[in-house]
N, C-alpha and C. Protein backbone atom coordinates (compact mmCIF):
# COMPACT_ATOMS: atom_id res chain seq x y z
N MET A 1 0.89 -1.17 0.02
CA MET A 1 -0.03 -0.17 0.14
C MET A 1 0.91 1.36 0.00
N PRO A 2 0.58 2.39 -0.85
CA PRO A 2 1.80 3.21 -0.92
C PRO A 2 1.09 4.48 0.28
N VAL A 3 2.55 4.87 0.60
CA VAL A 3 2.30 5.84 1.79
C VAL A 3 2.59 7.11 1.06
N LYS A 4 1.83 8.02 2.03
CA LYS A 4 1.39 9.61 1.22
C LYS A 4 2.28 10.46 2.46
N VAL A 5 2.92 11.48 1.79
CA VAL A 5 3.49 12.32 2.63
C VAL A 5 3.13 13.73 2.34
N ARG A 6 3.28 14.32 3.22
CA ARG A 6 2.90 15.44 3.03
C ARG A 6 3.76 16.80 3.96
N ILE A 7 4.39 17.71 3.70
CA ILE A 7 5.37 18.46 4.50
C ILE A 7 4.40 19.72 4.22
N ASP A 8 4.32 20.42 5.53
CA ASP A 8 3.30 22.20 5.28
C ASP A 8 4.62 22.71 5.37
N ARG A 9 5.28 23.38 4.41
CA ARG A 9 6.52 24.09 3.89
C ARG A 9 6.48 25.58 5.05
N SER A 10 4.56 26.02 5.62
CA SER A 10 4.64 27.19 6.07
C SER A 10 4.84 27.04 7.32
N LYS A 11 4.65 25.82 7.79
CA LYS A 11 4.89 25.59 9.61
C LYS A 11 6.25 25.21 9.58
N CYS A 12 7.35 24.91 8.74
CA CYS A 12 8.55 24.36 8.88
C CYS A 12 9.28 25.40 9.86
N VAL A 13 10.09 24.92 10.64
CA VAL A 13 11.00 25.92 11.23
C VAL A 13 12.37 25.52 10.88
N VAL A 14 12.57 24.77 9.84
CA VAL A 14 14.07 23.95 9.45
C VAL A 14 14.69 23.32 10.41
N ALA A 15 14.43 22.89 11.02
CA ALA A 15 15.13 21.82 12.25
C ALA A 15 15.87 20.95 11.33
N HIS A 16 15.15 20.43 10.38
CA HIS A 16 15.97 19.58 9.12
C HIS A 16 16.03 17.99 9.90
N PHE A 17 15.14 17.91 11.28
CA PHE A 17 15.04 16.28 11.20
C PHE A 17 14.73 15.32 10.42
N CYS A 18 13.81 15.76 9.63
CA CYS A 18 13.24 14.93 8.37
C CYS A 18 14.29 14.98 7.50
N LEU A 19 15.10 15.71 6.90
CA LEU A 19 16.47 15.32 6.55
C LEU A 19 17.03 14.21 6.94
N PHE A 20 17.49 14.42 8.38
CA PHE A 20 18.29 13.11 8.89
C PHE A 20 17.31 11.83 9.07
N TYR A 21 16.35 11.83 9.50
CA TYR A 21 15.62 10.69 9.35
C TYR A 21 14.73 9.98 8.15
N ALA A 22 14.93 10.66 7.07
CA ALA A 22 14.18 10.32 5.62
C ALA A 22 15.19 11.06 4.73
N PRO A 23 16.49 10.80 4.16
CA PRO A 23 17.26 11.66 3.50
C PRO A 23 16.87 11.60 1.72
N THR A 24 16.52 10.32 1.63
CA THR A 24 15.73 10.10 0.53
C THR A 24 14.46 10.46 0.02
N VAL A 25 13.76 10.70 1.17
CA VAL A 25 12.46 11.49 0.88
C VAL A 25 12.12 13.05 0.89
N PHE A 26 12.91 13.47 1.59
CA PHE A 26 12.98 15.10 2.06
C PHE A 26 14.29 15.48 1.92
N VAL A 27 14.41 16.45 0.89
CA VAL A 27 15.64 17.05 0.37
C VAL A 27 15.72 18.83 0.57
N PRO A 28 16.71 19.62 0.76
CA PRO A 28 16.78 20.78 1.02
C PRO A 28 16.11 21.60 -0.05
N GLY A 29 15.23 22.25 0.15
CA GLY A 29 14.60 23.06 -0.91
C GLY A 29 14.76 24.79 -0.78
N GLU A 30 13.96 25.63 -1.37
CA GLU A 30 14.13 26.96 -1.72
C GLU A 30 14.03 27.46 0.00
N GLY A 31 14.98 28.41 -0.09
CA GLY A 31 15.02 29.25 1.40
C GLY A 31 15.73 28.35 2.52
N GLY A 32 16.15 26.89 2.07
CA GLY A 32 16.51 25.76 3.08
C GLY A 32 15.62 25.14 3.37
N LYS A 33 14.15 25.48 3.45
CA LYS A 33 13.08 24.79 4.03
C LYS A 33 13.16 23.26 3.17
N PRO A 34 12.62 22.22 3.91
CA PRO A 34 12.77 20.76 3.16
C PRO A 34 11.50 20.86 2.23
N ALA A 35 11.76 19.88 1.09
CA ALA A 35 10.64 19.40 0.16
C ALA A 35 10.65 18.14 -0.06
N VAL A 36 9.72 17.85 -0.99
CA VAL A 36 9.63 16.07 -1.09
C VAL A 36 10.60 15.93 -2.26
N ALA A 37 11.47 14.74 -2.34
CA ALA A 37 12.64 14.62 -3.20
C ALA A 37 11.42 14.86 -4.65
N ALA A 38 12.12 14.82 -6.05
CA ALA A 38 11.48 14.82 -6.99
C ALA A 38 11.11 13.64 -7.43
N GLU A 39 11.76 12.72 -6.96
CA GLU A 39 11.14 10.88 -7.57
C GLU A 39 10.12 10.75 -6.85
N TYR A 40 9.56 11.19 -5.29
CA TYR A 40 8.43 10.79 -5.03
C TYR A 40 7.39 11.76 -4.91
N SER A 41 7.46 12.85 -5.20
CA SER A 41 6.74 14.09 -5.45
C SER A 41 5.30 14.06 -6.42
N VAL A 42 4.43 14.34 -6.23
CA VAL A 42 3.33 14.22 -6.78
C VAL A 42 2.99 15.42 -7.93
N ASN A 43 2.72 15.27 -8.62
CA ASN A 43 2.38 16.46 -10.05
C ASN A 43 3.66 17.71 -9.66
N GLY A 44 5.04 17.17 -9.55
CA GLY A 44 6.20 18.04 -9.22
C GLY A 44 5.76 19.14 -7.68
N SER A 45 5.05 18.52 -6.92
CA SER A 45 4.91 19.26 -5.93
C SER A 45 5.97 19.23 -5.08
N LEU A 46 6.34 20.50 -4.21
CA LEU A 46 7.22 20.44 -3.24
C LEU A 46 6.98 19.83 -2.03
N GLU A 47 5.35 19.76 -1.66
CA GLU A 47 4.79 19.65 -0.37
C GLU A 47 4.15 18.49 -0.06
N GLU A 48 3.98 17.39 -1.42
CA GLU A 48 3.30 16.12 -1.33
C GLU A 48 3.71 15.39 -2.46
N GLY A 49 3.83 14.12 -1.67
CA GLY A 49 4.43 12.74 -2.48
C GLY A 49 3.88 11.46 -1.90
N VAL A 50 4.39 10.51 -2.47
CA VAL A 50 3.90 8.96 -2.50
C VAL A 50 5.37 8.11 -2.38
N VAL A 51 5.24 7.71 -1.50
CA VAL A 51 6.73 6.71 -1.05
C VAL A 51 6.38 5.26 -1.09
N PRO A 52 7.25 4.23 -1.15
CA PRO A 52 7.03 2.86 -1.12
C PRO A 52 6.88 2.53 0.33
N ASP A 53 6.09 1.61 0.72
CA ASP A 53 6.01 0.93 1.97
C ASP A 53 7.39 0.96 2.78
N GLU A 54 8.25 0.45 2.15
CA GLU A 54 10.09 0.02 2.53
C GLU A 54 10.34 1.37 3.10
N LEU A 55 9.92 2.37 2.95
CA LEU A 55 10.30 4.11 3.67
C LEU A 55 9.03 4.27 4.51
N PHE A 56 8.40 3.66 4.90
CA PHE A 56 7.24 4.02 5.68
C PHE A 56 8.16 4.54 7.08
N GLU A 57 8.85 3.50 7.99
CA GLU A 57 9.09 3.60 8.91
C GLU A 57 10.10 5.07 9.14
N SER A 58 11.08 5.07 7.89
CA SER A 58 11.78 6.39 8.36
C SER A 58 10.94 7.60 8.08
N VAL A 59 9.78 7.66 7.04
CA VAL A 59 9.00 8.72 7.27
C VAL A 59 8.51 9.24 8.39
N LYS A 60 7.59 7.84 8.90
CA LYS A 60 7.03 7.91 10.32
C LYS A 60 8.12 8.81 11.40
N GLU A 61 9.30 8.13 11.82
CA GLU A 61 10.41 8.85 12.49
C GLU A 61 10.46 10.53 12.16
N ALA A 62 10.41 10.81 10.94
CA ALA A 62 10.87 12.22 10.86
C ALA A 62 9.61 12.74 11.21
N GLU A 63 8.46 12.41 10.59
CA GLU A 63 6.75 12.90 11.28
C GLU A 63 6.92 13.31 12.99
N ARG A 64 7.41 12.23 13.57
CA ARG A 64 7.10 12.13 15.09
C ARG A 64 8.22 13.15 15.60
N HIS A 65 9.24 13.20 14.95
CA HIS A 65 10.68 14.58 15.24
C HIS A 65 10.48 15.72 14.77
N CYS A 66 9.32 16.02 13.76
CA CYS A 66 9.42 17.24 13.21
C CYS A 66 8.90 17.93 14.27
N PRO A 67 9.62 19.27 15.08
CA PRO A 67 9.06 19.90 16.25
C PRO A 67 7.88 20.71 15.76
N SER A 68 7.75 21.43 14.55
CA SER A 68 6.67 21.91 14.20
C SER A 68 5.38 21.37 13.60
N ARG A 69 5.26 19.86 13.91
CA ARG A 69 4.21 19.27 13.14
C ARG A 69 4.10 19.49 11.91
N ALA A 70 5.27 19.91 10.98
CA ALA A 70 4.78 19.96 9.73
C ALA A 70 4.45 18.85 8.95
N ILE A 71 5.06 17.84 9.25
CA ILE A 71 4.97 16.61 7.88
C ILE A 71 3.79 15.51 8.78
N LYS A 72 3.03 14.92 7.74
CA LYS A 72 2.00 14.35 7.90
C LYS A 72 2.04 12.76 6.95
N VAL A 73 2.00 11.74 7.68
CA VAL A 73 2.11 10.43 6.72
C VAL A 73 1.11 9.53 6.94
N TYR A 74 0.46 8.73 5.95
CA TYR A 74 -0.54 8.18 6.04
C TYR A 74 -0.70 7.34 4.93
N ARG A 75 -1.37 6.37 5.25
CA ARG A 75 -1.87 5.25 4.12
C ARG A 75 -3.50 5.50 3.81
N GLU A 76 -3.77 5.59 2.12
CA GLU A 76 -5.06 5.42 2.31
C GLU A 76 -5.44 3.99 1.60
């Protein structure tokens, strides 16, 4: 089942825990704020992506450690 990720860049405080826990999914973007990597991006979005199930734990760790709660991870 695909895993959906969303990062609300307007809430982001640039702590970069997401880059540490899920470096293949989250990458540095404009202004230093993380973005969803192009290979996982939905329609070129910096904020929305779909990742394979094997990355679920790493994106969940990024979500858990995000101090601004800007990351949401869910399955549909």
